[in-house]
């Protein structure tokens, strides 16, 4: 159900590609049954070559026969590894949550990660002023759409633009335009966000 894989399969079924190259089996699918289905049935049926670089697998080497026990075992190991890794990540997050620590990659608008402890949030004084202003305007009866208009008129950077400008980790985000504006939704989310 990954969008990139779905696009790839549409290209395959419409004969727009004739070869699929992956780093290893686990990058194509996490389930060994799915890997086997595509590498041994679907892709050969569509006359598409399948190559897994790290696994040393090339479907051209197996014309008319299956990839064998070696491919099946690798796929099973990848499946088990992915599940194990997923459980470890969930467990680590639960421990951080119980300790009251912040673990998301980016701080919420109005906050920044502490330079001394990445699991602690501190108030971002500049963004906090905008948050206070939104609360004050909202309490006075100004609608989120009106607040968005005011903030845009005053050229206050929208949260995504502010983050892109001020956070070294997001400076290279090319999905955020420097011209993103405040919307009633982005304003409305701030007072509702616990």
N, C-alpha and C. Protein backbone atom coordinates (compact mmCIF):
# COMPACT_ATOMS: atom_id res chain seq x y z
N UNK A 1 0.80 -1.21 0.00
CA UNK A 1 0.00 0.00 0.00
C UNK A 1 0.84 1.27 0.00
N UNK A 2 2.09 1.18 -0.40
CA UNK A 2 2.94 2.38 -0.46
C UNK A 2 2.74 3.08 -1.80
N UNK A 3 2.56 4.41 -1.79
CA UNK A 3 2.28 5.14 -3.04
C UNK A 3 3.33 4.92 -4.12
N UNK A 4 4.61 4.91 -3.77
CA UNK A 4 5.66 4.71 -4.76
C UNK A 4 5.58 3.35 -5.42
N UNK A 5 5.31 2.32 -4.63
CA UNK A 5 5.18 0.97 -5.17
C UNK A 5 3.94 0.87 -6.06
N UNK A 6 2.85 1.52 -5.62
CA UNK A 6 1.64 1.52 -6.45
C UNK A 6 1.91 2.15 -7.82
N UNK A 7 2.65 3.27 -7.83
CA UNK A 7 2.98 3.92 -9.11
C UNK A 7 3.85 3.00 -9.97
N UNK A 8 4.80 2.32 -9.32
CA UNK A 8 5.68 1.40 -10.02
C UNK A 8 4.87 0.28 -10.67
N UNK A 9 3.91 -0.28 -9.93
CA UNK A 9 3.12 -1.39 -10.46
C UNK A 9 2.23 -0.94 -11.61
N UNK A 10 1.72 0.30 -11.56
CA UNK A 10 0.94 0.82 -12.69
C UNK A 10 1.84 0.93 -13.92
N UNK A 11 3.06 1.43 -13.74
CA UNK A 11 4.00 1.53 -14.86
C UNK A 11 4.31 0.15 -15.43
N UNK A 12 4.44 -0.84 -14.55
CA UNK A 12 4.72 -2.21 -14.99
C UNK A 12 3.55 -2.77 -15.79
N UNK A 13 2.35 -2.63 -15.26
CA UNK A 13 1.18 -3.21 -15.91
C UNK A 13 0.81 -2.52 -17.22
N UNK A 14 1.23 -1.26 -17.37
CA UNK A 14 0.95 -0.55 -18.62
C UNK A 14 2.16 -0.61 -19.57
N UNK A 15 3.09 -1.49 -19.26
CA UNK A 15 4.27 -1.76 -20.12
C UNK A 15 5.13 -0.51 -20.36
N UNK A 16 5.16 0.42 -19.38
CA UNK A 16 5.99 1.60 -19.53
C UNK A 16 7.41 1.37 -19.03
N UNK A 17 7.62 0.25 -18.32
CA UNK A 17 8.95 -0.14 -17.87
C UNK A 17 9.17 -1.61 -18.20
N UNK A 18 10.44 -2.02 -18.26
CA UNK A 18 10.73 -3.43 -18.51
C UNK A 18 11.73 -4.00 -17.51
N UNK A 19 12.07 -3.19 -16.47
CA UNK A 19 13.02 -3.65 -15.47
C UNK A 19 12.76 -2.92 -14.15
N UNK A 20 12.82 -3.67 -13.05
CA UNK A 20 12.70 -3.10 -11.71
C UNK A 20 13.98 -3.42 -10.97
N UNK A 21 14.63 -2.39 -10.45
CA UNK A 21 15.88 -2.58 -9.69
C UNK A 21 15.66 -2.04 -8.28
N UNK A 22 15.94 -2.89 -7.28
CA UNK A 22 15.81 -2.49 -5.89
C UNK A 22 17.13 -2.72 -5.17
N UNK A 23 17.33 -2.00 -4.08
CA UNK A 23 18.55 -2.18 -3.28
C UNK A 23 18.59 -3.60 -2.72
N UNK A 24 17.50 -4.02 -2.08
CA UNK A 24 17.36 -5.40 -1.64
C UNK A 24 15.88 -5.73 -1.57
N UNK A 25 15.56 -7.00 -1.37
CA UNK A 25 14.17 -7.44 -1.39
C UNK A 25 13.31 -6.63 -0.42
N UNK A 26 13.86 -6.30 0.75
CA UNK A 26 13.07 -5.60 1.77
C UNK A 26 12.66 -4.20 1.34
N UNK A 27 13.36 -3.60 0.39
CA UNK A 27 13.00 -2.27 -0.09
C UNK A 27 11.80 -2.35 -1.03
N UNK A 28 11.56 -3.53 -1.61
CA UNK A 28 10.41 -3.69 -2.50
C UNK A 28 9.17 -4.04 -1.71
N UNK A 29 9.28 -5.03 -0.83
CA UNK A 29 8.13 -5.46 -0.03
C UNK A 29 8.64 -6.06 1.28
N UNK A 30 7.86 -5.91 2.32
CA UNK A 30 8.24 -6.43 3.64
C UNK A 30 7.79 -7.88 3.83
N UNK A 31 6.89 -8.33 2.99
CA UNK A 31 6.30 -9.65 3.14
C UNK A 31 6.91 -10.59 2.10
N UNK A 32 7.53 -11.69 2.55
CA UNK A 32 8.22 -12.59 1.63
C UNK A 32 7.28 -13.22 0.61
N UNK A 33 6.00 -13.38 0.97
CA UNK A 33 5.04 -13.94 0.02
C UNK A 33 4.83 -12.97 -1.13
N UNK A 34 4.72 -11.67 -0.81
CA UNK A 34 4.56 -10.65 -1.86
C UNK A 34 5.78 -10.59 -2.76
N UNK A 35 6.98 -10.63 -2.17
CA UNK A 35 8.21 -10.59 -2.97
C UNK A 35 8.21 -11.76 -3.95
N UNK A 36 7.90 -12.94 -3.44
CA UNK A 36 7.87 -14.13 -4.30
C UNK A 36 6.82 -14.03 -5.39
N UNK A 37 5.65 -13.52 -5.04
CA UNK A 37 4.57 -13.37 -6.02
C UNK A 37 5.01 -12.49 -7.19
N UNK A 38 5.61 -11.35 -6.87
CA UNK A 38 6.00 -10.43 -7.94
C UNK A 38 7.24 -10.91 -8.69
N UNK A 39 8.25 -11.39 -7.96
CA UNK A 39 9.50 -11.77 -8.63
C UNK A 39 9.38 -13.06 -9.43
N UNK A 40 8.49 -13.98 -9.00
CA UNK A 40 8.41 -15.28 -9.67
C UNK A 40 7.16 -15.45 -10.53
N UNK A 41 6.15 -14.59 -10.35
CA UNK A 41 4.93 -14.75 -11.14
C UNK A 41 4.58 -13.49 -11.93
N UNK A 42 4.29 -12.42 -11.22
CA UNK A 42 3.76 -11.21 -11.86
C UNK A 42 4.75 -10.58 -12.84
N UNK A 43 5.99 -10.34 -12.39
CA UNK A 43 6.96 -9.69 -13.28
C UNK A 43 7.33 -10.57 -14.48
N UNK A 44 7.58 -11.87 -14.29
CA UNK A 44 7.85 -12.69 -15.48
C UNK A 44 6.66 -12.70 -16.46
N UNK A 45 5.44 -12.72 -15.92
CA UNK A 45 4.24 -12.70 -16.77
C UNK A 45 4.20 -11.41 -17.59
N UNK A 46 4.65 -10.30 -17.00
CA UNK A 46 4.67 -9.00 -17.70
C UNK A 46 5.97 -8.78 -18.48
N UNK A 47 6.84 -9.79 -18.45
CA UNK A 47 8.17 -9.73 -19.11
C UNK A 47 9.00 -8.57 -18.56
N UNK A 48 8.99 -8.45 -17.24
CA UNK A 48 9.77 -7.41 -16.56
C UNK A 48 10.90 -8.07 -15.79
N UNK A 49 12.09 -7.61 -16.04
CA UNK A 49 13.27 -8.11 -15.32
C UNK A 49 13.28 -7.52 -13.92
N UNK A 50 13.61 -8.32 -12.91
CA UNK A 50 13.65 -7.87 -11.52
C UNK A 50 15.04 -8.12 -10.97
N UNK A 51 15.67 -7.05 -10.46
CA UNK A 51 17.04 -7.15 -9.93
C UNK A 51 17.05 -6.62 -8.50
N UNK A 52 17.65 -7.42 -7.60
CA UNK A 52 17.88 -6.98 -6.23
C UNK A 52 19.39 -6.93 -6.04
N UNK A 53 19.94 -5.73 -5.99
CA UNK A 53 21.38 -5.52 -6.03
C UNK A 53 22.09 -6.20 -4.85
N UNK A 54 21.73 -5.87 -3.62
CA UNK A 54 22.43 -6.42 -2.45
C UNK A 54 22.26 -7.93 -2.30
N UNK A 55 21.17 -8.45 -2.86
CA UNK A 55 20.93 -9.89 -2.74
C UNK A 55 21.53 -10.67 -3.89
N UNK A 56 22.09 -9.97 -4.86
CA UNK A 56 22.70 -10.65 -6.01
C UNK A 56 21.67 -11.41 -6.84
N UNK A 57 20.44 -10.90 -6.87
CA UNK A 57 19.37 -11.59 -7.59
C UNK A 57 19.07 -10.86 -8.89
N UNK A 58 19.00 -11.62 -9.96
CA UNK A 58 18.60 -11.10 -11.27
C UNK A 58 17.67 -12.14 -11.87
N UNK A 59 16.44 -11.75 -12.15
CA UNK A 59 15.46 -12.72 -12.66
C UNK A 59 15.90 -13.33 -13.99
N UNK A 60 16.79 -12.67 -14.72
CA UNK A 60 17.30 -13.25 -15.96
C UNK A 60 18.08 -14.54 -15.70
N UNK A 61 18.63 -14.68 -14.49
CA UNK A 61 19.38 -15.88 -14.14
C UNK A 61 18.46 -17.05 -13.80
N UNK A 62 17.16 -16.78 -13.66
CA UNK A 62 16.22 -17.80 -13.22
C UNK A 62 15.06 -18.00 -14.20
N UNK A 63 15.31 -17.81 -15.47
CA UNK A 63 14.23 -17.96 -16.47
C UNK A 63 13.69 -19.39 -16.45
N UNK A 64 12.37 -19.47 -16.22
CA UNK A 64 11.72 -20.77 -16.24
C UNK A 64 11.80 -21.52 -14.93
N UNK A 65 12.56 -21.00 -13.95
CA UNK A 65 12.64 -21.65 -12.64
C UNK A 65 12.49 -20.58 -11.56
N UNK A 66 12.24 -21.00 -10.34
CA UNK A 66 12.08 -20.04 -9.26
C UNK A 66 13.44 -19.63 -8.70
N UNK A 67 13.44 -18.59 -7.86
CA UNK A 67 14.68 -18.12 -7.24
C UNK A 67 15.21 -19.07 -6.19
N UNK A 68 14.40 -20.03 -5.82
CA UNK A 68 14.86 -21.07 -4.92
C UNK A 68 14.79 -20.70 -3.45
N UNK A 69 15.31 -21.61 -2.65
CA UNK A 69 15.25 -21.49 -1.19
C UNK A 69 16.04 -20.27 -0.70
N UNK A 70 17.12 -19.92 -1.40
CA UNK A 70 17.95 -18.79 -0.99
C UNK A 70 17.14 -17.51 -0.97
N UNK A 71 16.39 -17.26 -2.03
CA UNK A 71 15.56 -16.05 -2.11
C UNK A 71 14.45 -16.09 -1.06
N UNK A 72 13.83 -17.24 -0.90
CA UNK A 72 12.75 -17.36 0.08
C UNK A 72 13.27 -17.10 1.50
N UNK A 73 14.42 -17.65 1.82
CA UNK A 73 14.98 -17.47 3.17
C UNK A 73 15.34 -16.00 3.42
N UNK A 74 15.95 -15.37 2.44
CA UNK A 74 16.29 -13.95 2.60
C UNK A 74 15.04 -13.12 2.83
N UNK A 75 13.99 -13.41 2.07
CA UNK A 75 12.75 -12.66 2.22
C UNK A 75 12.13 -12.87 3.59
N UNK A 76 12.19 -14.11 4.10
CA UNK A 76 11.66 -14.40 5.43
C UNK A 76 12.46 -13.66 6.49
N UNK A 77 13.78 -13.67 6.36
CA UNK A 77 14.64 -12.96 7.32
C UNK A 77 14.34 -11.46 7.29
N UNK A 78 14.19 -10.87 6.11
CA UNK A 78 13.87 -9.45 6.01
C UNK A 78 12.53 -9.14 6.68
N UNK A 79 11.55 -10.01 6.48
CA UNK A 79 10.24 -9.82 7.09
C UNK A 79 10.35 -9.83 8.61
N UNK A 80 11.07 -10.81 9.14
CA UNK A 80 11.23 -10.93 10.59
C UNK A 80 12.02 -9.73 11.14
N UNK A 81 13.06 -9.31 10.42
CA UNK A 81 13.87 -8.17 10.86
C UNK A 81 13.03 -6.90 10.90
N UNK A 82 12.21 -6.68 9.87
CA UNK A 82 11.37 -5.48 9.82
C UNK A 82 10.38 -5.46 10.97
N UNK A 83 9.78 -6.61 11.26
CA UNK A 83 8.82 -6.68 12.38
C UNK A 83 9.53 -6.42 13.70
N UNK A 84 10.71 -7.02 13.87
CA UNK A 84 11.47 -6.84 15.11
C UNK A 84 11.86 -5.38 15.29
N UNK A 85 12.35 -4.77 14.22
CA UNK A 85 12.75 -3.36 14.27
C UNK A 85 11.56 -2.47 14.60
N UNK A 86 10.42 -2.75 14.00
CA UNK A 86 9.21 -1.98 14.27
C UNK A 86 8.83 -2.06 15.75
N UNK A 87 8.89 -3.24 16.32
CA UNK A 87 8.56 -3.41 17.74
C UNK A 87 9.55 -2.66 18.63
N UNK A 88 10.83 -2.67 18.27
CA UNK A 88 11.84 -1.96 19.06
C UNK A 88 11.61 -0.45 19.03
N UNK A 89 11.25 0.07 17.86
CA UNK A 89 10.97 1.51 17.74
C UNK A 89 9.75 1.87 18.58
N UNK A 90 8.69 1.07 18.49
CA UNK A 90 7.48 1.34 19.28
C UNK A 90 7.79 1.30 20.77
N UNK A 91 8.59 0.33 21.17
CA UNK A 91 8.95 0.17 22.58
C UNK A 91 9.75 1.38 23.06
N UNK A 92 10.71 1.83 22.26
CA UNK A 92 11.53 2.99 22.64
C UNK A 92 10.67 4.24 22.76
N UNK A 93 9.70 4.40 21.87
CA UNK A 93 8.81 5.56 21.93
C UNK A 93 7.95 5.52 23.19
N UNK A 94 7.47 4.33 23.54
CA UNK A 94 6.65 4.20 24.75
C UNK A 94 7.45 4.57 25.99
N UNK A 95 8.71 4.16 26.05
CA UNK A 95 9.57 4.50 27.18
C UNK A 95 9.75 6.01 27.27
N UNK A 96 10.01 6.66 26.12
CA UNK A 96 10.18 8.12 26.09
C UNK A 96 8.89 8.82 26.52
N UNK A 97 7.75 8.31 26.06
CA UNK A 97 6.46 8.90 26.43
C UNK A 97 6.24 8.81 27.94
N UNK A 98 6.52 7.65 28.51
CA UNK A 98 6.32 7.46 29.95
C UNK A 98 7.23 8.38 30.76
N UNK A 99 8.38 8.72 30.20
CA UNK A 99 9.31 9.61 30.88
C UNK A 99 8.97 11.08 30.61
N UNK A 100 7.92 11.31 29.82
CA UNK A 100 7.50 12.68 29.52
C UNK A 100 8.42 13.38 28.54
N UNK A 101 9.14 12.61 27.73
CA UNK A 101 10.09 13.20 26.79
C UNK A 101 9.47 13.33 25.40
N UNK A 102 9.90 14.36 24.70
CA UNK A 102 9.45 14.64 23.34
C UNK A 102 10.30 13.82 22.37
N UNK A 103 9.67 13.15 21.40
CA UNK A 103 10.46 12.30 20.51
C UNK A 103 10.18 12.52 19.03
N UNK A 104 9.33 13.46 18.68
CA UNK A 104 9.06 13.73 17.26
C UNK A 104 10.28 14.38 16.62
N UNK A 105 10.41 14.27 15.30
CA UNK A 105 11.60 14.85 14.66
C UNK A 105 11.65 16.38 14.69
N UNK A 106 10.48 17.03 14.73
CA UNK A 106 10.44 18.49 14.72
C UNK A 106 9.53 19.00 15.83
N UNK A 107 9.89 20.15 16.37
CA UNK A 107 9.07 20.77 17.42
C UNK A 107 7.83 21.40 16.81
N UNK A 108 6.79 21.53 17.61
CA UNK A 108 5.56 22.18 17.19
C UNK A 108 5.81 23.67 17.02
N UNK A 109 4.99 24.32 16.19
CA UNK A 109 5.11 25.76 16.00
C UNK A 109 4.91 26.45 17.35
N UNK A 110 5.84 27.33 17.70
CA UNK A 110 5.81 28.02 18.99
C UNK A 110 6.85 27.45 19.95
N UNK A 111 7.41 26.31 19.59
CA UNK A 111 8.43 25.65 20.41
C UNK A 111 9.65 25.33 19.57
N UNK A 112 10.74 25.02 20.26
CA UNK A 112 11.96 24.55 19.61
C UNK A 112 12.52 23.42 20.48
N UNK A 113 13.35 22.60 19.88
CA UNK A 113 14.01 21.57 20.68
C UNK A 113 15.14 22.22 21.46
N UNK A 114 15.30 21.79 22.69
CA UNK A 114 16.37 22.32 23.52
C UNK A 114 17.72 21.93 22.93
N UNK A 115 18.67 22.86 22.86
CA UNK A 115 19.99 22.51 22.34
C UNK A 115 20.73 21.53 23.27
N UNK A 116 20.31 21.49 24.53
CA UNK A 116 20.97 20.61 25.50
C UNK A 116 20.35 19.22 25.55
N UNK A 117 19.08 19.10 25.17
CA UNK A 117 18.38 17.82 25.26
C UNK A 117 17.31 17.76 24.18
N UNK A 118 17.54 16.93 23.15
CA UNK A 118 16.61 16.88 22.02
C UNK A 118 15.23 16.35 22.39
N UNK A 119 15.10 15.77 23.59
CA UNK A 119 13.82 15.25 24.04
C UNK A 119 13.05 16.27 24.89
N UNK A 120 13.54 17.50 24.90
CA UNK A 120 12.89 18.54 25.68
C UNK A 120 12.54 19.72 24.78
N UNK A 121 11.33 20.24 24.95
CA UNK A 121 10.89 21.41 24.19
C UNK A 121 11.09 22.67 25.02
N UNK A 122 11.50 23.73 24.32
CA UNK A 122 11.59 25.04 24.95
C UNK A 122 10.75 26.01 24.11
N UNK A 123 10.35 27.11 24.69
CA UNK A 123 9.55 28.10 23.97
C UNK A 123 10.42 28.82 22.95
N UNK A 124 9.92 28.93 21.74
CA UNK A 124 10.58 29.72 20.69
C UNK A 124 9.99 31.12 20.83
N UNK A 125 10.77 32.09 21.32
CA UNK A 125 10.20 33.40 21.64
C UNK A 125 9.52 34.11 20.46
N UNK A 126 10.07 34.00 19.27
CA UNK A 126 9.49 34.70 18.11
C UNK A 126 8.16 34.07 17.72
N UNK A 127 8.15 32.75 17.54
CA UNK A 127 6.91 32.06 17.15
C UNK A 127 5.88 32.14 18.28
N UNK A 128 6.34 32.13 19.53
CA UNK A 128 5.41 32.19 20.67
C UNK A 128 4.62 33.50 20.65
N UNK A 129 5.24 34.58 20.21
CA UNK A 129 4.52 35.85 20.11
C UNK A 129 3.37 35.76 19.11
N UNK A 130 3.62 35.06 18.00
CA UNK A 130 2.56 34.88 17.00
C UNK A 130 1.45 34.00 17.57
N UNK A 131 1.82 32.95 18.31
CA UNK A 131 0.82 32.07 18.93
C UNK A 131 -0.03 32.87 19.92
N UNK A 132 0.62 33.69 20.76
CA UNK A 132 -0.12 34.53 21.72
C UNK A 132 -1.06 35.48 20.99
N UNK A 133 -0.58 36.03 19.89
CA UNK A 133 -1.39 36.97 19.11
C UNK A 133 -2.63 36.26 18.55
N UNK A 134 -2.44 35.03 18.07
CA UNK A 134 -3.57 34.25 17.54
C UNK A 134 -4.59 34.01 18.65
N UNK A 135 -4.12 33.62 19.84
CA UNK A 135 -5.04 33.38 20.95
C UNK A 135 -5.79 34.66 21.33
N UNK A 136 -5.08 35.77 21.40
CA UNK A 136 -5.70 37.04 21.76
C UNK A 136 -6.77 37.43 20.75
N UNK A 137 -6.43 37.33 19.46
CA UNK A 137 -7.40 37.68 18.41
C UNK A 137 -8.59 36.73 18.44
N UNK A 138 -8.33 35.45 18.66
CA UNK A 138 -9.42 34.47 18.68
C UNK A 138 -10.36 34.73 19.86
N UNK A 139 -9.78 35.05 21.03
CA UNK A 139 -10.59 35.33 22.21
C UNK A 139 -11.43 36.60 22.04
N UNK A 140 -10.96 37.51 21.19
CA UNK A 140 -11.73 38.74 20.95
C UNK A 140 -12.83 38.53 19.91
N UNK A 141 -12.94 37.29 19.39
CA UNK A 141 -14.01 37.00 18.45
C UNK A 141 -13.61 37.02 16.99
N UNK A 142 -12.34 37.26 16.71
CA UNK A 142 -11.87 37.27 15.33
C UNK A 142 -11.86 35.83 14.80
N UNK A 143 -12.37 35.63 13.60
CA UNK A 143 -12.44 34.27 13.03
C UNK A 143 -11.05 33.83 12.56
N UNK A 144 -10.83 32.52 12.44
CA UNK A 144 -9.54 32.05 11.92
C UNK A 144 -9.22 32.62 10.53
N UNK A 145 -10.22 32.75 9.67
CA UNK A 145 -9.98 33.33 8.34
C UNK A 145 -9.52 34.78 8.44
N UNK A 146 -10.13 35.55 9.34
CA UNK A 146 -9.74 36.95 9.53
C UNK A 146 -8.32 37.03 10.10
N UNK A 147 -8.01 36.14 11.05
CA UNK A 147 -6.66 36.13 11.64
C UNK A 147 -5.63 35.79 10.57
N UNK A 148 -5.94 34.80 9.72
CA UNK A 148 -5.02 34.44 8.63
C UNK A 148 -4.77 35.65 7.73
N UNK A 149 -5.81 36.38 7.43
CA UNK A 149 -5.69 37.57 6.59
C UNK A 149 -4.76 38.60 7.26
N UNK A 150 -4.97 38.82 8.55
CA UNK A 150 -4.15 39.80 9.31
C UNK A 150 -2.68 39.37 9.30
N UNK A 151 -2.42 38.10 9.59
CA UNK A 151 -1.04 37.61 9.64
C UNK A 151 -0.37 37.70 8.27
N UNK A 152 -1.12 37.40 7.22
CA UNK A 152 -0.56 37.50 5.87
C UNK A 152 -0.30 38.95 5.49
N UNK A 153 -1.20 39.85 5.88
CA UNK A 153 -1.00 41.28 5.61
C UNK A 153 0.25 41.80 6.32
N UNK A 154 0.49 41.28 7.54
CA UNK A 154 1.66 41.70 8.32
C UNK A 154 2.93 40.93 7.95
N UNK A 155 2.80 40.06 6.93
CA UNK A 155 3.93 39.27 6.41
C UNK A 155 4.58 38.38 7.48
N UNK A 156 3.75 37.83 8.36
CA UNK A 156 4.23 36.86 9.36
C UNK A 156 4.37 35.53 8.64
N UNK A 157 5.58 34.92 8.65
CA UNK A 157 5.76 33.66 7.94
C UNK A 157 4.84 32.56 8.50
N UNK A 158 4.23 31.80 7.61
CA UNK A 158 3.41 30.65 8.01
C UNK A 158 4.32 29.63 8.72
N UNK A 159 3.75 28.74 9.53
CA UNK A 159 4.57 27.79 10.29
C UNK A 159 5.59 27.01 9.44
N UNK A 160 5.18 26.50 8.28
CA UNK A 160 6.13 25.73 7.45
C UNK A 160 7.26 26.60 6.94
N UNK A 161 6.96 27.84 6.57
CA UNK A 161 7.99 28.76 6.09
C UNK A 161 8.91 29.15 7.25
N UNK A 162 8.32 29.43 8.40
CA UNK A 162 9.11 29.79 9.59
C UNK A 162 10.09 28.66 9.94
N UNK A 163 9.59 27.44 9.89
CA UNK A 163 10.44 26.28 10.20
C UNK A 163 11.57 26.16 9.18
N UNK A 164 11.23 26.34 7.91
CA UNK A 164 12.24 26.24 6.85
C UNK A 164 13.33 27.30 7.02
N UNK A 165 12.94 28.48 7.43
CA UNK A 165 13.89 29.58 7.60
C UNK A 165 14.76 29.38 8.84
N UNK A 166 14.18 28.88 9.93
CA UNK A 166 14.86 28.88 11.22
C UNK A 166 15.43 27.56 11.70
N UNK A 167 15.04 26.46 11.11
CA UNK A 167 15.52 25.15 11.57
C UNK A 167 16.53 24.60 10.57
N UNK A 168 17.78 24.38 10.99
CA UNK A 168 18.80 23.89 10.06
C UNK A 168 18.43 22.55 9.39
N UNK A 169 17.62 21.74 10.08
CA UNK A 169 17.24 20.44 9.52
C UNK A 169 16.23 20.56 8.38
N UNK A 170 15.56 21.71 8.28
CA UNK A 170 14.51 21.86 7.26
C UNK A 170 14.85 22.88 6.19
N UNK A 171 16.03 23.43 6.22
CA UNK A 171 16.38 24.49 5.25
C UNK A 171 16.32 24.02 3.81
N UNK A 172 16.57 22.74 3.59
CA UNK A 172 16.58 22.22 2.22
C UNK A 172 15.24 21.63 1.79
N UNK A 173 14.20 21.84 2.58
CA UNK A 173 12.88 21.34 2.18
C UNK A 173 12.47 22.04 0.89
N UNK A 174 12.33 21.29 -0.17
CA UNK A 174 11.93 21.92 -1.43
C UNK A 174 10.42 21.82 -1.65
N UNK A 175 9.71 21.17 -0.72
CA UNK A 175 8.26 21.08 -0.86
C UNK A 175 7.56 22.28 -0.25
N UNK A 176 8.32 23.10 0.49
CA UNK A 176 7.73 24.27 1.13
C UNK A 176 8.13 25.52 0.36
N UNK A 177 7.16 26.20 -0.19
CA UNK A 177 7.41 27.43 -0.92
C UNK A 177 7.62 28.57 0.07
N UNK A 178 8.48 29.48 -0.28
CA UNK A 178 8.70 30.66 0.56
C UNK A 178 7.46 31.56 0.57
N UNK A 179 6.49 31.25 -0.27
CA UNK A 179 5.29 32.07 -0.37
C UNK A 179 4.07 31.41 0.27
N UNK A 180 4.30 30.33 1.06
CA UNK A 180 3.17 29.70 1.76
C UNK A 180 2.55 30.74 2.69
N UNK A 181 1.23 30.76 2.71
CA UNK A 181 0.52 31.74 3.51
C UNK A 181 -0.25 31.06 4.63
N UNK A 182 -0.62 31.85 5.61
CA UNK A 182 -1.50 31.39 6.67
C UNK A 182 -2.87 31.10 6.05
N UNK A 183 -3.54 30.08 6.55
CA UNK A 183 -4.90 29.77 6.13
C UNK A 183 -5.77 29.68 7.37
N UNK A 184 -7.08 29.65 7.19
CA UNK A 184 -7.96 29.52 8.34
C UNK A 184 -7.69 28.20 9.06
N UNK A 185 -7.30 27.16 8.30
CA UNK A 185 -6.99 25.86 8.91
C UNK A 185 -5.75 25.91 9.77
N UNK A 186 -4.68 26.55 9.25
CA UNK A 186 -3.45 26.61 10.03
C UNK A 186 -3.62 27.47 11.28
N UNK A 187 -4.41 28.52 11.17
CA UNK A 187 -4.71 29.36 12.34
C UNK A 187 -5.58 28.59 13.32
N UNK A 188 -6.63 27.94 12.81
CA UNK A 188 -7.57 27.21 13.66
C UNK A 188 -6.94 26.05 14.41
N UNK A 189 -5.90 25.46 13.86
CA UNK A 189 -5.24 24.33 14.50
C UNK A 189 -4.48 24.75 15.76
N UNK A 190 -3.96 25.94 15.78
CA UNK A 190 -3.12 26.37 16.90
C UNK A 190 -3.89 26.41 18.22
N UNK A 191 -5.03 27.04 18.34
CA UNK A 191 -5.75 27.02 19.62
C UNK A 191 -6.27 25.63 20.02
N UNK A 192 -6.49 24.78 19.03
CA UNK A 192 -7.02 23.44 19.32
C UNK A 192 -5.93 22.44 19.70
N UNK A 193 -4.67 22.71 19.34
CA UNK A 193 -3.58 21.75 19.56
C UNK A 193 -3.21 21.70 21.05
N UNK A 194 -3.41 20.57 21.66
CA UNK A 194 -3.10 20.43 23.10
C UNK A 194 -1.64 20.70 23.39
